[in-house]
C-alpha cells in the first residue's frame, strides 16, 4: 500500500523552535536531538534479541 508520506522523511522543523542538539543558553543543557540516542537503540536491540 502506498503512503502519502515517505517513511524515512523527518517531520519539518517548527518555525521558532531551537535546532535539535543546540545548547539552551539559560540552562546550558542540550536540546534533544532528532531521532533516538545510541543507548536507546542498543537497548531496543538487546530486548528484541532476547526473544
N, C-alpha and C. Protein backbone atom coordinates (compact mmCIF):
# COMPACT_ATOMS: atom_id res chain seq x y z
N UNK A 1 0.84 -1.16 0.00
CA UNK A 1 0.00 0.00 0.00
C UNK A 1 0.90 1.24 0.00
N UNK A 2 0.60 2.19 -0.86
CA UNK A 2 1.39 3.41 -0.96
C UNK A 2 1.00 4.39 0.13
N UNK A 3 1.98 5.11 0.60
CA UNK A 3 1.75 6.09 1.65
C UNK A 3 1.98 7.49 1.07
N UNK A 4 1.24 8.45 1.59
CA UNK A 4 1.40 9.84 1.13
C UNK A 4 2.71 10.42 1.62
N UNK A 5 3.22 9.91 2.73
CA UNK A 5 4.42 10.44 3.32
C UNK A 5 5.51 9.37 3.30
N UNK A 6 6.71 9.78 3.00
CA UNK A 6 7.83 8.85 3.00
C UNK A 6 8.11 8.38 4.42
N UNK A 7 8.40 7.13 4.61
CA UNK A 7 8.64 6.57 5.94
C UNK A 7 9.93 7.12 6.56
N UNK A 8 10.93 7.45 5.72
CA UNK A 8 12.20 7.90 6.26
C UNK A 8 12.30 9.41 6.38
N UNK A 9 11.30 10.14 5.91
CA UNK A 9 11.36 11.59 5.95
C UNK A 9 11.12 12.09 7.37
N UNK A 10 11.95 13.02 7.79
CA UNK A 10 11.79 13.63 9.11
C UNK A 10 10.72 14.70 9.04
N UNK A 11 10.00 14.92 10.14
CA UNK A 11 8.98 15.98 10.12
C UNK A 11 9.64 17.33 9.94
N UNK A 12 8.95 18.28 9.34
CA UNK A 12 9.56 19.60 9.14
C UNK A 12 9.82 20.28 10.47
N UNK A 13 10.88 21.07 10.52
CA UNK A 13 11.26 21.78 11.74
C UNK A 13 10.28 22.92 11.97
N UNK A 14 9.82 23.06 13.20
CA UNK A 14 8.86 24.11 13.54
C UNK A 14 9.55 25.47 13.55
N UNK A 15 8.88 26.47 13.02
CA UNK A 15 9.43 27.82 12.98
C UNK A 15 9.60 28.35 14.40
N UNK A 16 10.74 28.92 14.70
CA UNK A 16 10.98 29.50 16.01
C UNK A 16 11.49 28.53 17.05
N UNK A 17 11.46 27.25 16.78
CA UNK A 17 11.95 26.25 17.74
C UNK A 17 13.47 26.12 17.60
N UNK A 18 14.16 25.78 18.69
CA UNK A 18 15.62 25.62 18.61
C UNK A 18 16.00 24.42 17.76
N UNK A 19 17.18 24.48 17.17
CA UNK A 19 17.68 23.36 16.37
C UNK A 19 17.98 22.17 17.29
N UNK A 20 17.65 20.95 16.86
CA UNK A 20 17.97 19.78 17.69
C UNK A 20 19.46 19.68 17.96
N UNK A 21 19.82 19.43 19.21
CA UNK A 21 21.22 19.29 19.59
C UNK A 21 21.89 20.59 19.98
N UNK A 22 21.20 21.74 19.80
CA UNK A 22 21.80 23.01 20.18
C UNK A 22 21.71 23.20 21.70
N UNK A 23 22.47 24.14 22.23
CA UNK A 23 22.55 24.34 23.67
C UNK A 23 21.58 25.43 24.09
N UNK A 24 20.84 25.16 25.17
CA UNK A 24 19.94 26.14 25.75
C UNK A 24 20.79 27.18 26.47
N UNK A 25 20.71 28.46 26.08
CA UNK A 25 21.58 29.47 26.69
C UNK A 25 21.27 29.71 28.18
N UNK A 26 20.06 29.46 28.61
CA UNK A 26 19.70 29.70 30.02
C UNK A 26 20.19 28.58 30.92
N UNK A 27 20.01 27.33 30.51
CA UNK A 27 20.35 26.20 31.38
C UNK A 27 21.69 25.56 31.05
N UNK A 28 22.19 25.77 29.83
CA UNK A 28 23.44 25.14 29.41
C UNK A 28 23.27 23.70 28.98
N UNK A 29 22.04 23.20 29.00
CA UNK A 29 21.77 21.82 28.59
C UNK A 29 21.48 21.77 27.09
N UNK A 30 21.76 20.64 26.49
CA UNK A 30 21.46 20.46 25.08
C UNK A 30 19.99 20.11 24.89
N UNK A 31 19.40 20.63 23.80
CA UNK A 31 18.06 20.22 23.40
C UNK A 31 18.15 18.81 22.84
N UNK A 32 17.05 18.07 22.91
CA UNK A 32 17.04 16.71 22.39
C UNK A 32 17.33 16.70 20.90
N UNK A 33 18.08 15.71 20.48
CA UNK A 33 18.39 15.56 19.06
C UNK A 33 17.20 14.94 18.34
N UNK A 34 17.16 15.13 17.04
CA UNK A 34 16.13 14.49 16.23
C UNK A 34 16.52 13.02 16.08
N UNK A 35 15.68 12.12 16.51
CA UNK A 35 15.98 10.70 16.41
C UNK A 35 16.25 10.09 17.78
N UNK A 36 16.69 8.86 17.78
CA UNK A 36 16.92 8.13 19.01
C UNK A 36 18.39 8.16 19.40
N UNK A 37 18.64 8.17 20.71
CA UNK A 37 20.01 8.12 21.22
C UNK A 37 20.57 6.72 21.00
N UNK A 38 21.89 6.61 20.82
CA UNK A 38 22.50 5.29 20.62
C UNK A 38 22.18 4.30 21.74
N UNK A 39 22.11 4.77 22.99
CA UNK A 39 21.79 3.86 24.10
C UNK A 39 20.38 3.31 23.97
N UNK A 40 19.45 4.10 23.47
CA UNK A 40 18.07 3.64 23.28
C UNK A 40 18.02 2.58 22.19
N UNK A 41 18.74 2.78 21.11
CA UNK A 41 18.77 1.81 20.01
C UNK A 41 19.38 0.50 20.50
N UNK A 42 20.51 0.59 21.22
CA UNK A 42 21.16 -0.63 21.73
C UNK A 42 20.25 -1.38 22.69
N UNK A 43 19.54 -0.66 23.53
CA UNK A 43 18.64 -1.30 24.48
C UNK A 43 17.52 -2.04 23.72
N UNK A 44 16.94 -1.37 22.73
CA UNK A 44 15.87 -2.00 21.96
C UNK A 44 16.36 -3.25 21.24
N UNK A 45 17.55 -3.20 20.68
CA UNK A 45 18.11 -4.38 20.00
C UNK A 45 18.37 -5.52 20.98
N UNK A 46 18.82 -5.20 22.18
CA UNK A 46 19.06 -6.23 23.20
C UNK A 46 17.76 -6.88 23.62
N UNK A 47 16.70 -6.08 23.81
CA UNK A 47 15.41 -6.63 24.21
C UNK A 47 14.86 -7.53 23.13
N UNK A 48 14.92 -7.10 21.87
CA UNK A 48 14.41 -7.88 20.77
C UNK A 48 15.19 -9.18 20.60
N UNK A 49 16.51 -9.10 20.78
CA UNK A 49 17.36 -10.28 20.63
C UNK A 49 17.10 -11.32 21.72
N UNK A 50 16.59 -10.88 22.87
CA UNK A 50 16.34 -11.82 23.96
C UNK A 50 15.12 -12.71 23.71
N UNK A 51 14.30 -12.36 22.73
CA UNK A 51 13.12 -13.18 22.43
C UNK A 51 13.49 -14.32 21.59
